[in-house]
Amino acid sequence: MGLEYIKDVVKMALYSGFPLQVWQFNLNRLKNLHKGKSCILIGNGPSVKYSDLDKINSSNSIKFVFNRFHKAYENIDFTPNYTVVIDPYFIRDFYDELLVNHRGCLLIGIDSKFPVSLRNFYFRIKSTDPFEFSLNPLKYISTGASVVVSAIQLAYFMGMKDIYLYGIDHSFEYVAEDSEDLIMGEGNHFIENYRSGKRWCPPNLPLIENGFKCSAEMLELKNGKLINISRESRLPHIKKENFDDIIHTL
């Protein structure tokens, strides 16, 4: 039995989806934790209203927020269940700030070495073409070029099939890419100075839209649904319903 064979066996085991590593063992604690509940994934688009956030905060749904949402806590008392991040540039620029200011459980998607920590939840991210909806995030999550698409898969893993989108405007303004394919631009979020002058990775709209579309199709196959209740949104393919008609039912 050669060394290469042993390496291959170890690699297969680590990518098998069984909770063998610390991050997998920790993430597995969330499996079916919210079975049967509905959830709202709250984007940071300009159409977000603080009055809507008050209503969402009062609902019985499980609430996900993303990236630098914590800057809104200066203006509102809001308690999400989860904060999710996957963007390596965001993590590089704001990681320490995020650790101090996030609320709820912190879920961090990375594609490299995993910290040995039980304080936060980590998961492996992977870019796949075509997009693959992950039924087992203990293997990996296909991001669909979107932290929200990643969160849909996490929510399903936690047992939730009725998933609502809010604040997903899917409309972006930015200046030209630089030599590293990064861009600059503000005004794409309801939070002022969201980027703090930092460069960011431009959105790949076709990949994002396909990720949402495939996620909606998978949820429908599993007797669930993906509904967009954003005030304003250019996101195609996803069923759109009125926020005011839905929020009181959650």
Protein backbone atom coordinates (compact mmCIF):
# COMPACT_ATOMS: atom_id res chain seq x y z
CA MET A 1 0.00 0.00 0.00
CA GLY A 2 1.79 3.14 -1.25
CA LEU A 3 1.87 6.62 0.21
CA GLU A 4 -0.12 8.06 -2.71
CA TYR A 5 -2.90 5.54 -2.13
CA ILE A 6 -3.06 6.49 1.55
CA LYS A 7 -3.20 10.17 0.61
CA ASP A 8 -6.08 9.48 -1.80
CA VAL A 9 -8.02 7.56 0.85
CA VAL A 10 -7.54 10.34 3.39
CA LYS A 11 -8.65 12.95 0.84
CA MET A 12 -11.76 10.92 -0.04
CA ALA A 13 -12.63 10.61 3.64
CA LEU A 14 -12.21 14.34 4.27
CA TYR A 15 -14.47 15.20 1.31
CA SER A 16 -17.01 12.44 1.98
CA GLY A 17 -19.46 14.63 3.87
CA PHE A 18 -19.07 12.71 7.11
CA PRO A 19 -18.25 14.97 10.09
CA LEU A 20 -14.60 13.99 10.45
CA GLN A 21 -13.04 17.45 10.74
CA VAL A 22 -13.66 20.03 13.44
CA TRP A 23 -15.54 22.39 11.11
CA GLN A 24 -17.75 19.54 9.88
CA PHE A 25 -18.49 18.31 13.38
CA ASN A 26 -19.42 21.83 14.42
CA LEU A 27 -21.56 22.55 11.35
CA ASN A 28 -23.37 19.24 11.74
CA ARG A 29 -24.89 20.59 14.96
CA LEU A 30 -27.08 22.81 12.78
CA LYS A 31 -28.57 19.95 10.75
CA ASN A 32 -32.40 20.09 10.94
CA LEU A 33 -32.12 22.53 13.85
CA HIS A 34 -35.02 24.61 12.48
CA LYS A 35 -36.95 21.85 10.75
CA GLY A 36 -40.34 23.03 9.51
CA LYS A 37 -39.74 26.72 10.15
CA SER A 38 -39.63 29.47 7.54
CA CYS A 39 -36.77 31.90 7.14
CA ILE A 40 -36.02 35.31 5.69
CA LEU A 41 -32.71 36.07 4.00
CA ILE A 42 -32.16 39.80 4.36
CA GLY A 43 -30.01 41.43 1.72
CA ASN A 44 -28.43 44.85 1.96
CA GLY A 45 -30.01 46.46 -1.11
CA PRO A 46 -31.01 50.15 -1.20
CA SER A 47 -34.72 49.25 -1.04
CA VAL A 48 -34.41 47.98 2.55
CA LYS A 49 -36.53 50.00 4.99
CA TYR A 50 -35.90 50.17 8.70
CA SER A 51 -39.66 49.95 9.30
CA ASP A 52 -39.65 46.64 7.40
CA LEU A 53 -36.73 45.39 9.48
CA ASP A 54 -38.77 46.10 12.61
CA LYS A 55 -41.56 43.91 11.25
CA ILE A 56 -39.13 41.16 10.26
CA ASN A 57 -37.52 41.31 13.69
CA SER A 58 -40.92 40.75 15.31
CA SER A 59 -41.75 37.74 13.13
CA ASN A 60 -41.27 34.12 14.17
CA SER A 61 -39.11 33.34 11.15
CA ILE A 62 -35.42 32.48 11.27
CA LYS A 63 -33.42 35.48 10.07
CA PHE A 64 -30.18 35.56 8.07
CA VAL A 65 -28.14 38.69 7.41
CA PHE A 66 -24.95 39.12 5.44
CA ASN A 67 -21.55 40.73 5.39
CA ARG A 68 -21.53 44.22 6.89
CA PHE A 69 -25.18 44.32 7.96
CA HIS A 70 -23.91 45.03 11.47
CA LYS A 71 -23.43 48.68 10.50
CA ALA A 72 -27.23 48.96 10.59
CA TYR A 73 -27.23 48.21 14.32
CA GLU A 74 -26.30 51.84 14.89
CA ASN A 75 -29.85 52.71 13.77
CA ILE A 76 -31.98 49.73 14.75
CA ASP A 77 -32.29 47.05 17.40
CA PHE A 78 -32.30 43.93 15.24
CA THR A 79 -31.47 40.38 16.25
CA PRO A 80 -30.72 37.95 13.41
CA ASN A 81 -30.19 34.27 14.03
CA TYR A 82 -27.28 34.05 11.60
CA THR A 83 -24.72 36.26 9.89
CA VAL A 84 -23.14 34.74 6.77
CA VAL A 85 -20.00 35.76 4.85
CA ILE A 86 -18.10 34.11 1.99
CA ASP A 87 -16.36 36.89 0.03
CA PRO A 88 -12.58 36.54 0.56
CA TYR A 89 -12.03 40.26 -0.05
CA PHE A 90 -14.69 41.17 2.50
CA ILE A 91 -13.20 38.72 5.00
CA ARG A 92 -9.74 40.16 4.39
CA ASP A 93 -10.88 43.76 4.89
CA PHE A 94 -13.48 43.48 7.64
CA TYR A 95 -12.91 40.19 9.49
CA ASP A 96 -11.87 41.68 12.83
CA GLU A 97 -14.71 44.20 12.70
CA LEU A 98 -17.15 41.40 11.89
CA LEU A 99 -16.02 39.26 14.83
CA VAL A 100 -16.70 42.12 17.24
CA ASN A 101 -19.95 43.48 15.81
CA HIS A 102 -21.91 40.59 14.28
CA ARG A 103 -25.07 39.28 15.92
CA GLY A 104 -26.38 35.73 15.91
CA CYS A 105 -24.26 32.75 14.93
CA LEU A 106 -21.48 33.57 12.49
CA LEU A 107 -21.18 31.32 9.42
CA ILE A 108 -18.00 31.77 7.40
CA GLY A 109 -17.44 30.15 4.01
CA ILE A 110 -13.83 29.61 2.99
CA ASP A 111 -12.02 27.54 0.38
CA SER A 112 -8.68 27.07 2.07
CA LYS A 113 -7.34 26.12 5.50
CA PHE A 114 -9.98 25.93 8.21
CA PRO A 115 -9.38 27.44 11.66
CA VAL A 116 -9.68 24.92 14.49
CA SER A 117 -12.50 26.71 16.29
CA LEU A 118 -15.87 25.88 17.77
CA ARG A 119 -16.75 29.51 18.43
CA ASN A 120 -17.97 30.20 14.88
CA PHE A 121 -19.28 27.94 12.13
CA TYR A 122 -17.18 27.35 9.03
CA PHE A 123 -18.10 25.66 5.76
CA ARG A 124 -16.25 24.85 2.55
CA ILE A 125 -17.22 26.87 -0.53
CA LYS A 126 -16.67 25.80 -4.10
CA SER A 127 -17.37 27.40 -7.47
CA THR A 128 -19.00 24.84 -9.74
CA ASP A 129 -20.07 25.18 -13.34
CA PRO A 130 -22.81 24.24 -13.75
CA PHE A 131 -24.18 25.23 -10.36
CA GLU A 132 -24.86 22.36 -7.95
CA PHE A 133 -27.30 22.82 -5.08
CA SER A 134 -25.61 21.19 -2.10
CA LEU A 135 -27.81 18.88 -0.07
CA ASN A 136 -24.89 18.22 2.26
CA PRO A 137 -22.81 21.29 3.23
CA LEU A 138 -20.49 18.99 5.17
CA LYS A 139 -18.96 18.33 1.75
CA TYR A 140 -19.10 21.83 0.30
CA ILE A 141 -21.47 24.56 -0.80
CA SER A 142 -21.60 25.76 -4.38
CA THR A 143 -21.79 29.53 -3.99
CA GLY A 144 -23.56 30.48 -7.19
CA ALA A 145 -21.40 33.63 -6.94
CA SER A 146 -23.64 34.85 -4.12
CA VAL A 147 -23.58 34.73 -0.34
CA VAL A 148 -27.38 34.61 -0.39
CA VAL A 149 -27.42 31.54 -2.65
CA SER A 150 -24.97 29.95 -0.21
CA ALA A 151 -27.32 30.76 2.66
CA ILE A 152 -30.27 29.13 0.89
CA GLN A 153 -28.36 25.84 0.96
CA LEU A 154 -27.45 26.32 4.62
CA ALA A 155 -31.09 27.06 5.46
CA TYR A 156 -32.19 23.87 3.71
CA PHE A 157 -29.55 21.92 5.66
CA MET A 158 -31.04 23.38 8.84
CA GLY A 159 -34.44 21.97 7.88
CA MET A 160 -36.12 25.00 6.30
CA LYS A 161 -37.89 24.69 2.96
CA ASP A 162 -39.96 27.90 2.84
CA ILE A 163 -37.42 30.63 2.22
CA TYR A 164 -38.12 34.31 1.63
CA LEU A 165 -35.80 36.92 0.13
CA TYR A 166 -35.87 40.54 1.23
CA GLY A 167 -33.60 43.41 0.21
CA ILE A 168 -32.30 41.53 -2.83
CA ASP A 169 -32.40 44.46 -5.26
CA HIS A 170 -30.03 42.74 -7.71
CA SER A 171 -28.98 46.09 -9.12
CA PHE A 172 -25.37 47.29 -8.99
CA GLU A 173 -23.47 50.45 -9.84
CA TYR A 174 -19.69 50.59 -9.92
CA VAL A 175 -16.70 52.00 -11.77
CA ALA A 176 -14.41 50.06 -14.09
CA GLU A 177 -12.35 47.10 -12.96
CA ASP A 178 -8.70 47.58 -12.05
CA SER A 179 -5.70 45.41 -12.89
CA GLU A 180 -6.78 42.86 -10.26
CA ASP A 181 -10.35 42.70 -11.65
CA LEU A 182 -11.66 44.52 -8.57
CA ILE A 183 -14.03 47.50 -8.62
CA MET A 184 -15.01 50.53 -6.58
CA GLY A 185 -18.45 51.94 -5.85
CA GLU A 186 -20.97 52.87 -3.19
CA GLY A 187 -24.74 53.35 -3.29
CA ASN A 188 -25.56 49.67 -3.75
CA HIS A 189 -26.67 49.19 -0.14
CA PHE A 190 -29.11 50.73 2.31
CA ILE A 191 -26.19 51.25 4.69
CA GLU A 192 -24.14 54.40 4.12
CA ASN A 193 -20.43 54.01 3.31
CA TYR A 194 -20.88 50.24 3.23
CA ARG A 195 -17.56 49.55 1.50
CA SER A 196 -15.54 52.23 3.33
CA GLY A 197 -13.65 52.90 0.13
CA LYS A 198 -12.46 49.30 -0.20
CA ARG A 199 -12.34 47.55 -3.57
CA TRP A 200 -14.66 44.61 -4.16
CA CYS A 201 -15.25 41.79 -6.58
CA PRO A 202 -17.76 42.65 -9.35
CA PRO A 203 -20.98 40.61 -9.37
CA ASN A 204 -21.34 37.94 -12.04
CA LEU A 205 -25.03 38.42 -12.78
CA PRO A 206 -25.59 35.35 -15.00
CA LEU A 207 -24.02 33.05 -12.39
CA ILE A 208 -25.99 34.67 -9.56
CA GLU A 209 -29.29 34.46 -11.43
CA ASN A 210 -28.69 30.82 -12.33
CA GLY A 211 -27.83 30.03 -8.71
CA PHE A 212 -31.11 31.49 -7.50
CA LYS A 213 -33.06 29.77 -10.29
CA CYS A 214 -31.57 26.34 -9.55
CA SER A 215 -32.11 26.84 -5.82
CA ALA A 216 -35.78 27.65 -6.38
CA GLU A 217 -36.17 24.55 -8.56
CA MET A 218 -34.54 22.33 -5.93
CA LEU A 219 -36.72 23.71 -3.14
CA GLU A 220 -39.81 23.10 -5.27
CA LEU A 221 -38.70 19.49 -5.83
CA LYS A 222 -38.42 19.16 -2.04
CA ASN A 223 -41.92 20.61 -1.50
CA GLY A 224 -40.54 23.98 -0.50
CA LYS A 225 -40.51 27.43 -2.06
CA LEU A 226 -38.31 30.44 -2.67
CA ILE A 227 -40.24 33.72 -2.67
CA ASN A 228 -38.89 37.22 -3.29
CA ILE A 229 -40.59 39.79 -1.03
CA SER A 230 -38.09 42.59 -1.69
CA ARG A 231 -39.60 46.06 -2.11
CA GLU A 232 -37.66 46.49 -5.34
CA SER A 233 -35.82 43.77 -7.23
CA ARG A 234 -34.51 43.00 -10.70
CA LEU A 235 -33.85 39.36 -9.84
CA PRO A 236 -35.44 37.19 -12.57
CA HIS A 237 -36.93 33.69 -12.38
CA ILE A 238 -37.96 33.89 -8.68
CA LYS A 239 -41.62 34.27 -7.74
CA LYS A 240 -42.32 37.78 -6.43
CA GLU A 241 -44.89 38.58 -3.75
CA ASN A 242 -45.79 41.72 -1.82
CA PHE A 243 -43.90 42.23 1.43
CA ASP A 244 -46.93 43.62 3.28
CA ASP A 245 -49.07 40.64 2.28
CA ILE A 246 -46.51 38.10 3.48
CA ILE A 247 -44.77 39.46 6.56
CA HIS A 248 -47.75 39.08 8.92
CA THR A 249 -47.94 35.36 8.04
CA LEU A 250 -44.37 34.63 9.13
